[in-house]
Amino acid sequence: MSRDIQDMFPNSITRNGKRIKNYKPQLIRSADDFVVIHKELEIIWQYKAAIQEWLKPIGLELKEEKTKICHTLNRIEINGIEEKPGFDFLDFNIKQYPVEKHHSGKTQHGELLGFKTLIKPSNKAVKAHKAEIKSIVKAHKTAPQESLIKHLNPSIRGWCNYSKGYVPRKHLVA
């Protein structure tokens, strides 16, 4: 699916006499979950329609309740509903925040973007991890401290290893 649909979109376009390279939407996929990223909302709508058309012949469809179109920096209105910036993907929340020039991200040419992208655990993932920790503590309430630590360590270590490349430190330990 991803190759077929990616081939439908040009890699570069010419607009107002200027050539825009890397214009093709970016698809990030993990199993049956995916995110499509592009700076223009109209291209996202076209990509969504292309995916829906590709899925029809094999009897599949996008679930509207799981499909979200949003901006990562600004609020936008979709079908009369105002969408907050950012989205959750694979237990992470991806969102951009406006910042002053000293904290701004940069383009590959060194130009300031005016925002910084942060990837941190989603609220749902944090709640699930806290619930797991709570259940371990509850199950070993009467156990010696050493035994409790022995049971907590794999859960905490797993959370930290999964999150360490993306997360501000304050979210690593529940």
N, C-alpha and C. Protein backbone atom coordinates (compact mmCIF):
# COMPACT_ATOMS: atom_id res chain seq x y z
N MET A 1 0.82 -1.18 0.00
CA MET A 1 0.00 0.00 0.00
C MET A 1 0.87 1.25 0.00
N SER A 2 1.85 1.29 0.91
CA SER A 2 2.63 2.52 1.03
C SER A 2 3.37 2.87 -0.26
N ARG A 3 3.94 1.85 -0.93
CA ARG A 3 4.66 2.13 -2.18
C ARG A 3 3.71 2.60 -3.28
N ASP A 4 2.56 1.92 -3.40
CA ASP A 4 1.59 2.29 -4.44
C ASP A 4 1.12 3.73 -4.27
N ILE A 5 0.80 4.10 -3.05
CA ILE A 5 0.27 5.44 -2.81
C ILE A 5 1.37 6.49 -2.89
N GLN A 6 2.56 6.18 -2.37
CA GLN A 6 3.68 7.13 -2.45
C GLN A 6 3.98 7.47 -3.92
N ASP A 7 3.87 6.48 -4.82
CA ASP A 7 4.16 6.72 -6.23
C ASP A 7 3.15 7.65 -6.90
N MET A 8 2.00 7.85 -6.28
CA MET A 8 0.97 8.73 -6.83
C MET A 8 1.31 10.20 -6.64
N PHE A 9 2.25 10.52 -5.74
CA PHE A 9 2.57 11.90 -5.41
C PHE A 9 3.96 12.26 -5.92
N PRO A 10 4.10 13.46 -6.51
CA PRO A 10 5.42 13.85 -7.05
C PRO A 10 6.41 14.14 -5.93
N ASN A 11 7.69 13.90 -6.21
CA ASN A 11 8.74 14.16 -5.23
C ASN A 11 9.06 15.66 -5.16
N SER A 12 8.83 16.36 -6.27
CA SER A 12 9.06 17.81 -6.27
C SER A 12 8.04 18.47 -7.19
N ILE A 13 7.77 19.76 -6.92
CA ILE A 13 6.85 20.53 -7.76
C ILE A 13 7.47 21.90 -8.01
N THR A 14 6.91 22.59 -9.00
CA THR A 14 7.33 23.97 -9.27
C THR A 14 6.15 24.87 -8.96
N ARG A 15 6.39 25.86 -8.09
CA ARG A 15 5.33 26.79 -7.69
C ARG A 15 5.91 28.20 -7.75
N ASN A 16 5.23 29.09 -8.46
CA ASN A 16 5.68 30.48 -8.63
C ASN A 16 7.11 30.55 -9.16
N GLY A 17 7.43 29.64 -10.07
CA GLY A 17 8.77 29.62 -10.68
C GLY A 17 9.85 29.02 -9.81
N LYS A 18 9.52 28.56 -8.61
CA LYS A 18 10.50 27.96 -7.71
C LYS A 18 10.25 26.46 -7.60
N ARG A 19 11.32 25.71 -7.63
CA ARG A 19 11.22 24.26 -7.50
C ARG A 19 11.24 23.88 -6.01
N ILE A 20 10.24 23.13 -5.58
CA ILE A 20 10.15 22.67 -4.19
C ILE A 20 10.51 21.19 -4.18
N LYS A 21 11.64 20.88 -3.57
CA LYS A 21 12.09 19.48 -3.48
C LYS A 21 11.49 18.82 -2.24
N ASN A 22 11.54 17.50 -2.19
CA ASN A 22 11.03 16.71 -1.07
C ASN A 22 9.58 17.07 -0.74
N TYR A 23 8.76 17.19 -1.77
CA TYR A 23 7.36 17.59 -1.61
C TYR A 23 6.47 16.40 -1.27
N LYS A 24 6.94 15.21 -1.53
CA LYS A 24 6.14 14.00 -1.31
C LYS A 24 5.81 13.84 0.17
N PRO A 25 4.57 13.47 0.50
CA PRO A 25 4.22 13.23 1.91
C PRO A 25 5.08 12.10 2.48
N GLN A 26 5.35 12.19 3.77
CA GLN A 26 6.14 11.16 4.45
C GLN A 26 5.19 10.21 5.17
N LEU A 27 5.41 8.93 4.98
CA LEU A 27 4.60 7.91 5.63
C LEU A 27 5.46 7.20 6.66
N ILE A 28 4.99 7.18 7.90
CA ILE A 28 5.68 6.48 8.98
C ILE A 28 4.75 5.35 9.39
N ARG A 29 5.26 4.11 9.34
CA ARG A 29 4.39 2.97 9.53
C ARG A 29 4.98 2.00 10.55
N SER A 30 4.09 1.41 11.35
CA SER A 30 4.45 0.34 12.26
C SER A 30 3.28 -0.63 12.28
N ALA A 31 3.49 -1.81 11.71
CA ALA A 31 2.43 -2.83 11.57
C ALA A 31 1.24 -2.21 10.83
N ASP A 32 0.07 -2.15 11.47
CA ASP A 32 -1.11 -1.60 10.79
C ASP A 32 -1.40 -0.16 11.19
N ASP A 33 -0.50 0.46 11.93
CA ASP A 33 -0.64 1.87 12.30
C ASP A 33 0.29 2.71 11.43
N PHE A 34 -0.18 3.88 11.03
CA PHE A 34 0.69 4.75 10.25
C PHE A 34 0.31 6.21 10.44
N VAL A 35 1.27 7.07 10.12
CA VAL A 35 1.10 8.51 10.19
C VAL A 35 1.57 9.07 8.85
N VAL A 36 0.81 10.01 8.31
CA VAL A 36 1.21 10.69 7.08
C VAL A 36 1.51 12.13 7.45
N ILE A 37 2.69 12.60 7.05
CA ILE A 37 3.12 13.95 7.41
C ILE A 37 3.35 14.77 6.15
N HIS A 38 2.76 15.95 6.13
CA HIS A 38 2.99 16.90 5.03
C HIS A 38 2.63 18.28 5.53
N LYS A 39 3.24 19.30 4.95
CA LYS A 39 2.98 20.66 5.42
C LYS A 39 1.68 21.24 4.90
N GLU A 40 1.06 20.64 3.88
CA GLU A 40 -0.18 21.16 3.32
C GLU A 40 -1.35 20.23 3.63
N LEU A 41 -2.41 20.79 4.18
CA LEU A 41 -3.58 20.03 4.57
C LEU A 41 -4.24 19.36 3.36
N GLU A 42 -4.28 20.04 2.23
CA GLU A 42 -4.91 19.49 1.02
C GLU A 42 -4.23 18.20 0.58
N ILE A 43 -2.94 18.12 0.70
CA ILE A 43 -2.20 16.90 0.33
C ILE A 43 -2.57 15.76 1.28
N ILE A 44 -2.74 16.07 2.56
CA ILE A 44 -3.14 15.06 3.54
C ILE A 44 -4.51 14.49 3.17
N TRP A 45 -5.45 15.36 2.79
CA TRP A 45 -6.79 14.90 2.39
C TRP A 45 -6.69 14.01 1.15
N GLN A 46 -5.84 14.38 0.19
CA GLN A 46 -5.66 13.56 -1.01
C GLN A 46 -5.07 12.20 -0.66
N TYR A 47 -4.11 12.19 0.24
CA TYR A 47 -3.47 10.95 0.66
C TYR A 47 -4.48 10.05 1.36
N LYS A 48 -5.32 10.63 2.21
CA LYS A 48 -6.36 9.85 2.90
C LYS A 48 -7.31 9.22 1.89
N ALA A 49 -7.74 10.01 0.89
CA ALA A 49 -8.65 9.49 -0.14
C ALA A 49 -7.98 8.36 -0.92
N ALA A 50 -6.70 8.51 -1.23
CA ALA A 50 -5.98 7.47 -1.97
C ALA A 50 -5.89 6.18 -1.15
N ILE A 51 -5.67 6.30 0.15
CA ILE A 51 -5.61 5.12 1.03
C ILE A 51 -6.97 4.43 1.05
N GLN A 52 -8.04 5.23 1.19
CA GLN A 52 -9.38 4.64 1.22
C GLN A 52 -9.69 3.90 -0.07
N GLU A 53 -9.30 4.48 -1.21
CA GLU A 53 -9.53 3.82 -2.51
C GLU A 53 -8.71 2.55 -2.64
N TRP A 54 -7.50 2.57 -2.12
CA TRP A 54 -6.62 1.39 -2.19
C TRP A 54 -7.18 0.26 -1.33
N LEU A 55 -7.77 0.58 -0.19
CA LEU A 55 -8.29 -0.43 0.73
C LEU A 55 -9.62 -1.06 0.29
N LYS A 56 -10.44 -0.32 -0.48
CA LYS A 56 -11.77 -0.80 -0.87
C LYS A 56 -11.76 -2.17 -1.54
N PRO A 57 -10.95 -2.40 -2.58
CA PRO A 57 -11.01 -3.70 -3.28
C PRO A 57 -10.68 -4.91 -2.39
N ILE A 58 -9.96 -4.70 -1.32
CA ILE A 58 -9.62 -5.85 -0.45
C ILE A 58 -10.54 -5.91 0.77
N GLY A 59 -11.59 -5.11 0.77
CA GLY A 59 -12.61 -5.18 1.81
C GLY A 59 -12.23 -4.54 3.13
N LEU A 60 -11.28 -3.62 3.11
CA LEU A 60 -10.87 -2.92 4.33
C LEU A 60 -11.24 -1.45 4.23
N GLU A 61 -11.26 -0.79 5.38
CA GLU A 61 -11.52 0.65 5.39
C GLU A 61 -10.84 1.29 6.59
N LEU A 62 -10.61 2.59 6.49
CA LEU A 62 -10.05 3.34 7.62
C LEU A 62 -11.14 3.53 8.66
N LYS A 63 -10.80 3.35 9.91
CA LYS A 63 -11.76 3.60 10.99
C LYS A 63 -11.72 5.09 11.30
N GLU A 64 -12.84 5.77 11.11
CA GLU A 64 -12.90 7.21 11.31
C GLU A 64 -12.57 7.60 12.75
N GLU A 65 -12.98 6.76 13.72
CA GLU A 65 -12.69 7.10 15.12
C GLU A 65 -11.20 6.99 15.45
N LYS A 66 -10.44 6.27 14.64
CA LYS A 66 -8.99 6.16 14.86
C LYS A 66 -8.19 7.05 13.91
N THR A 67 -8.88 7.68 12.96
CA THR A 67 -8.21 8.54 11.98
C THR A 67 -8.30 9.99 12.45
N LYS A 68 -7.15 10.62 12.56
CA LYS A 68 -7.12 12.00 13.03
C LYS A 68 -6.27 12.84 12.08
N ILE A 69 -6.81 13.97 11.69
CA ILE A 69 -6.04 14.92 10.89
C ILE A 69 -5.84 16.14 11.77
N CYS A 70 -4.58 16.51 11.96
CA CYS A 70 -4.26 17.62 12.86
C CYS A 70 -2.98 18.30 12.41
N HIS A 71 -2.69 19.38 13.06
CA HIS A 71 -1.44 20.10 12.87
C HIS A 71 -0.62 19.86 14.13
N THR A 72 0.68 19.84 14.02
CA THR A 72 1.49 19.57 15.21
C THR A 72 1.83 20.84 15.99
N LEU A 73 1.57 22.02 15.41
CA LEU A 73 1.92 23.27 16.07
C LEU A 73 0.71 24.14 16.40
N ASN A 74 -0.25 24.19 15.49
CA ASN A 74 -1.39 25.10 15.64
C ASN A 74 -2.71 24.34 15.71
N ARG A 75 -3.70 24.97 16.34
CA ARG A 75 -5.05 24.41 16.32
C ARG A 75 -5.61 24.62 14.92
N ILE A 76 -6.34 23.62 14.43
CA ILE A 76 -7.01 23.76 13.14
C ILE A 76 -8.45 23.26 13.28
N GLU A 77 -9.31 23.71 12.36
CA GLU A 77 -10.69 23.29 12.37
C GLU A 77 -10.91 22.30 11.24
N ILE A 78 -11.42 21.11 11.60
CA ILE A 78 -11.73 20.06 10.63
C ILE A 78 -13.20 19.70 10.77
N ASN A 79 -13.96 19.90 9.71
CA ASN A 79 -15.40 19.59 9.71
C ASN A 79 -16.13 20.24 10.89
N GLY A 80 -15.80 21.48 11.19
CA GLY A 80 -16.46 22.22 12.25
C GLY A 80 -15.98 21.90 13.66
N ILE A 81 -15.00 21.01 13.77
CA ILE A 81 -14.46 20.64 15.08
C ILE A 81 -13.03 21.15 15.17
N GLU A 82 -12.73 21.88 16.25
CA GLU A 82 -11.38 22.40 16.43
C GLU A 82 -10.48 21.30 17.00
N GLU A 83 -9.40 21.00 16.29
CA GLU A 83 -8.45 19.98 16.71
C GLU A 83 -7.27 20.63 17.42
N LYS A 84 -6.91 20.06 18.56
CA LYS A 84 -5.73 20.53 19.28
C LYS A 84 -4.48 20.10 18.52
N PRO A 85 -3.38 20.83 18.71
CA PRO A 85 -2.15 20.41 18.02
C PRO A 85 -1.58 19.13 18.63
N GLY A 86 -0.89 18.37 17.80
CA GLY A 86 -0.22 17.15 18.25
C GLY A 86 -1.07 15.92 18.09
N PHE A 87 -0.41 14.76 18.16
CA PHE A 87 -1.11 13.49 18.03
C PHE A 87 -0.35 12.40 18.77
N ASP A 88 -1.06 11.31 19.07
CA ASP A 88 -0.46 10.15 19.73
C ASP A 88 -0.19 9.08 18.68
N PHE A 89 1.00 8.46 18.78
CA PHE A 89 1.38 7.38 17.88
C PHE A 89 2.32 6.44 18.62
N LEU A 90 1.96 5.18 18.70
CA LEU A 90 2.78 4.16 19.37
C LEU A 90 3.15 4.56 20.80
N ASP A 91 2.18 4.95 21.58
CA ASP A 91 2.35 5.34 22.98
C ASP A 91 3.15 6.63 23.18
N PHE A 92 3.36 7.39 22.14
CA PHE A 92 4.05 8.67 22.25
C PHE A 92 3.14 9.79 21.78
N ASN A 93 3.36 10.98 22.32
CA ASN A 93 2.66 12.17 21.89
C ASN A 93 3.68 13.04 21.16
N ILE A 94 3.36 13.41 19.92
CA ILE A 94 4.24 14.24 19.10
C ILE A 94 3.58 15.59 18.95
N LYS A 95 4.29 16.63 19.36
CA LYS A 95 3.72 17.98 19.33
C LYS A 95 4.86 18.99 19.16
N GLN A 96 4.56 20.10 18.51
CA GLN A 96 5.53 21.17 18.36
C GLN A 96 5.10 22.34 19.24
N TYR A 97 6.09 23.02 19.79
CA TYR A 97 5.85 24.15 20.68
C TYR A 97 6.59 25.37 20.16
N PRO A 98 5.91 26.55 20.10
CA PRO A 98 6.62 27.76 19.68
C PRO A 98 7.67 28.14 20.73
N VAL A 99 8.84 28.54 20.29
CA VAL A 99 9.93 28.92 21.18
C VAL A 99 10.67 30.12 20.60
N GLU A 100 11.45 30.77 21.45
CA GLU A 100 12.26 31.88 20.96
C GLU A 100 13.49 31.33 20.23
N LYS A 101 14.25 32.20 19.62
CA LYS A 101 15.32 31.77 18.72
C LYS A 101 16.40 30.91 19.38
N HIS A 102 16.62 31.04 20.67
CA HIS A 102 17.70 30.29 21.31
C HIS A 102 17.35 28.82 21.53
N HIS A 103 16.05 28.48 21.45
CA HIS A 103 15.62 27.10 21.67
C HIS A 103 15.00 26.49 20.41
N SER A 104 14.98 27.25 19.33
CA SER A 104 14.30 26.83 18.11
C SER A 104 15.04 25.70 17.40
N GLY A 105 14.24 24.84 16.75
CA GLY A 105 14.82 23.85 15.86
C GLY A 105 15.32 24.55 14.61
N LYS A 106 16.13 23.87 13.82
CA LYS A 106 16.69 24.46 12.60
C LYS A 106 16.46 23.54 11.42
N THR A 107 16.40 24.15 10.22
CA THR A 107 16.31 23.36 9.00
C THR A 107 17.68 22.78 8.70
N GLN A 108 17.74 21.95 7.67
CA GLN A 108 19.03 21.37 7.30
C GLN A 108 20.00 22.43 6.77
N HIS A 109 19.48 23.63 6.46
CA HIS A 109 20.33 24.73 6.00
C HIS A 109 20.66 25.72 7.12
N GLY A 110 20.25 25.40 8.36
CA GLY A 110 20.57 26.23 9.51
C GLY A 110 19.59 27.36 9.78
N GLU A 111 18.48 27.43 9.05
CA GLU A 111 17.49 28.48 9.27
C GLU A 111 16.62 28.12 10.48
N LEU A 112 16.29 29.12 11.29
CA LEU A 112 15.47 28.89 12.48
C LEU A 112 14.02 28.57 12.10
N LEU A 113 13.43 27.61 12.78
CA LEU A 113 12.04 27.22 12.52
C LEU A 113 11.04 27.99 13.37
N GLY A 114 11.44 28.40 14.58
CA GLY A 114 10.53 29.10 15.47
C GLY A 114 9.74 28.15 16.36
N PHE A 115 10.02 26.87 16.27
CA PHE A 115 9.35 25.89 17.12
C PHE A 115 10.30 24.74 17.43
N LYS A 116 9.91 23.97 18.42
CA LYS A 116 10.68 22.80 18.80
C LYS A 116 9.72 21.61 18.86
N THR A 117 10.14 20.47 18.32
CA THR A 117 9.31 19.28 18.34
C THR A 117 9.67 18.43 19.55
N LEU A 118 8.67 18.09 20.35
CA LEU A 118 8.90 17.22 21.50
C LEU A 118 8.11 15.93 21.34
N ILE A 119 8.77 14.83 21.61
CA ILE A 119 8.14 13.52 21.58
C ILE A 119 8.22 12.98 23.00
N LYS A 120 7.06 12.76 23.59
CA LYS A 120 7.02 12.30 24.98
C LYS A 120 5.93 11.24 25.12
N PRO A 121 5.90 10.51 26.23
CA PRO A 121 4.88 9.47 26.37
C PRO A 121 3.47 10.07 26.35
N SER A 122 2.55 9.35 25.73
CA SER A 122 1.16 9.81 25.73
C SER A 122 0.59 9.64 27.14
N ASN A 123 -0.43 10.40 27.44
CA ASN A 123 -1.08 10.30 28.75
C ASN A 123 -1.57 8.88 29.00
N LYS A 124 -2.08 8.25 27.96
CA LYS A 124 -2.58 6.87 28.07
C LYS A 124 -1.45 5.91 28.46
N ALA A 125 -0.27 6.09 27.85
CA ALA A 125 0.87 5.22 28.16
C ALA A 125 1.37 5.44 29.58
N VAL A 126 1.38 6.70 30.03
CA VAL A 126 1.83 7.01 31.40
C VAL A 126 0.87 6.38 32.40
N LYS A 127 -0.44 6.52 32.15
CA LYS A 127 -1.43 5.93 33.06
C LYS A 127 -1.29 4.40 33.11
N ALA A 128 -1.06 3.78 31.96
CA ALA A 128 -0.91 2.32 31.92
C ALA A 128 0.33 1.88 32.70
N HIS A 129 1.42 2.63 32.55
CA HIS A 129 2.65 2.28 33.27
C HIS A 129 2.46 2.45 34.78
N LYS A 130 1.81 3.54 35.18
CA LYS A 130 1.54 3.74 36.61
C LYS A 130 0.65 2.64 37.16
N ALA A 131 -0.34 2.22 36.38
CA ALA A 131 -1.23 1.13 36.83
C ALA A 131 -0.45 -0.17 36.97
N GLU A 132 0.49 -0.41 36.05
CA GLU A 132 1.32 -1.62 36.15
C GLU A 132 2.18 -1.59 37.41
N ILE A 133 2.80 -0.44 37.68
CA ILE A 133 3.62 -0.29 38.89
C ILE A 133 2.75 -0.51 40.15
N LYS A 134 1.57 0.10 40.12
CA LYS A 134 0.66 -0.01 41.26
C LYS A 134 0.26 -1.47 41.51
N SER A 135 -0.02 -2.20 40.43
CA SER A 135 -0.43 -3.60 40.60
C SER A 135 0.72 -4.47 41.13
N ILE A 136 1.95 -4.16 40.71
CA ILE A 136 3.11 -4.90 41.22
C ILE A 136 3.28 -4.63 42.71
N VAL A 137 3.18 -3.36 43.10
CA VAL A 137 3.33 -3.00 44.52
C VAL A 137 2.22 -3.66 45.34
N LYS A 138 1.00 -3.61 44.82
CA LYS A 138 -0.13 -4.20 45.54
C LYS A 138 0.03 -5.72 45.70
N ALA A 139 0.51 -6.38 44.65
CA ALA A 139 0.68 -7.83 44.68
C ALA A 139 1.79 -8.27 45.64
N HIS A 140 2.74 -7.38 45.89
CA HIS A 140 3.89 -7.72 46.75
C HIS A 140 3.93 -6.85 48.00
N LYS A 141 2.75 -6.49 48.47
CA LYS A 141 2.62 -5.61 49.63
C LYS A 141 3.29 -6.18 50.88
N THR A 142 3.13 -7.47 51.07
CA THR A 142 3.69 -8.09 52.28
C THR A 142 5.06 -8.71 52.05
N ALA A 143 5.54 -8.65 50.83
CA ALA A 143 6.84 -9.25 50.50
C ALA A 143 7.96 -8.37 51.05
N PRO A 144 9.13 -8.94 51.25
CA PRO A 144 10.27 -8.12 51.67
C PRO A 144 10.61 -7.08 50.60
N GLN A 145 11.24 -6.02 51.03
CA GLN A 145 11.59 -4.92 50.13
C GLN A 145 12.42 -5.42 48.95
N GLU A 146 13.35 -6.29 49.21
CA GLU A 146 14.22 -6.82 48.16
C GLU A 146 13.41 -7.52 47.07
N SER A 147 12.39 -8.27 47.47
CA SER A 147 11.53 -8.99 46.52
C SER A 147 10.71 -7.99 45.69
N LEU A 148 10.18 -6.97 46.33
CA LEU A 148 9.41 -5.95 45.62
C LEU A 148 10.28 -5.27 44.56
N ILE A 149 11.48 -4.92 44.94
CA ILE A 149 12.41 -4.27 44.00
C ILE A 149 12.71 -5.20 42.83
N LYS A 150 12.90 -6.47 43.12
CA LYS A 150 13.18 -7.48 42.10
C LYS A 150 12.04 -7.55 41.08
N HIS A 151 10.79 -7.39 41.53
CA HIS A 151 9.64 -7.43 40.63
C HIS A 151 9.40 -6.09 39.92
N LEU A 152 9.76 -4.99 40.56
CA LEU A 152 9.57 -3.67 39.94
C LEU A 152 10.61 -3.38 38.86
N ASN A 153 11.83 -3.82 39.07
CA ASN A 153 12.92 -3.47 38.15
C ASN A 153 12.66 -3.79 36.68
N PRO A 154 12.16 -4.98 36.32
CA PRO A 154 11.93 -5.24 34.89
C PRO A 154 10.92 -4.28 34.25
N SER A 155 9.88 -3.94 35.00
CA SER A 155 8.89 -3.01 34.47
C SER A 155 9.48 -1.62 34.27
N ILE A 156 10.19 -1.14 35.27
CA ILE A 156 10.79 0.20 35.18
C ILE A 156 11.88 0.22 34.10
N ARG A 157 12.70 -0.82 34.07
CA ARG A 157 13.77 -0.88 33.07
C ARG A 157 13.18 -0.92 31.66
N GLY A 158 12.12 -1.70 31.46
CA GLY A 158 11.47 -1.77 30.15
C GLY A 158 10.91 -0.43 29.71
N TRP A 159 10.25 0.26 30.63
CA TRP A 159 9.69 1.59 30.35
C TRP A 159 10.79 2.57 29.95
N CYS A 160 11.87 2.56 30.71
CA CYS A 160 12.98 3.48 30.43
C CYS A 160 13.66 3.16 29.10
N ASN A 161 13.88 1.89 28.82
CA ASN A 161 14.53 1.51 27.56
C ASN A 161 13.67 1.84 26.36
N TYR A 162 12.36 1.64 26.47
CA TYR A 162 11.46 1.94 25.36
C TYR A 162 11.39 3.45 25.11
N SER A 163 11.46 4.23 26.17
CA SER A 163 11.23 5.67 26.07
C SER A 163 12.49 6.53 26.01
N LYS A 164 13.64 5.99 26.31
CA LYS A 164 14.82 6.82 26.56
C LYS A 164 15.27 7.69 25.38
N GLY A 165 15.03 7.29 24.16
CA GLY A 165 15.48 8.09 23.03
C GLY A 165 14.60 9.26 22.70
N TYR A 166 13.44 9.35 23.33
CA TYR A 166 12.45 10.34 22.92
C TYR A 166 11.95 11.25 24.03
N VAL A 167 12.18 10.89 25.24
CA VAL A 167 11.41 11.44 26.34
C VAL A 167 12.21 12.40 27.22
N PRO A 168 11.58 13.51 27.64
CA PRO A 168 12.22 14.32 28.66
C PRO A 168 12.38 13.48 29.93
N ARG A 169 13.43 13.69 30.65
CA ARG A 169 13.76 12.86 31.82
C ARG A 169 12.64 12.78 32.84
N LYS A 170 11.87 13.84 33.01
CA LYS A 170 10.84 13.83 34.06
C LYS A 170 9.78 12.77 33.81
N HIS A 171 9.65 12.26 32.57
CA HIS A 171 8.65 11.24 32.28
C HIS A 171 9.18 9.83 32.37
N LEU A 172 10.47 9.66 32.56
CA LEU A 172 11.04 8.31 32.56
C LEU A 172 10.61 7.49 33.76
N VAL A 173 10.48 8.11 34.90
CA VAL A 173 10.09 7.38 36.10
C VAL A 173 8.70 7.85 36.50
N ALA A 174 7.81 6.92 36.66
CA ALA A 174 6.40 7.25 36.95
C ALA A 174 6.25 7.85 38.33
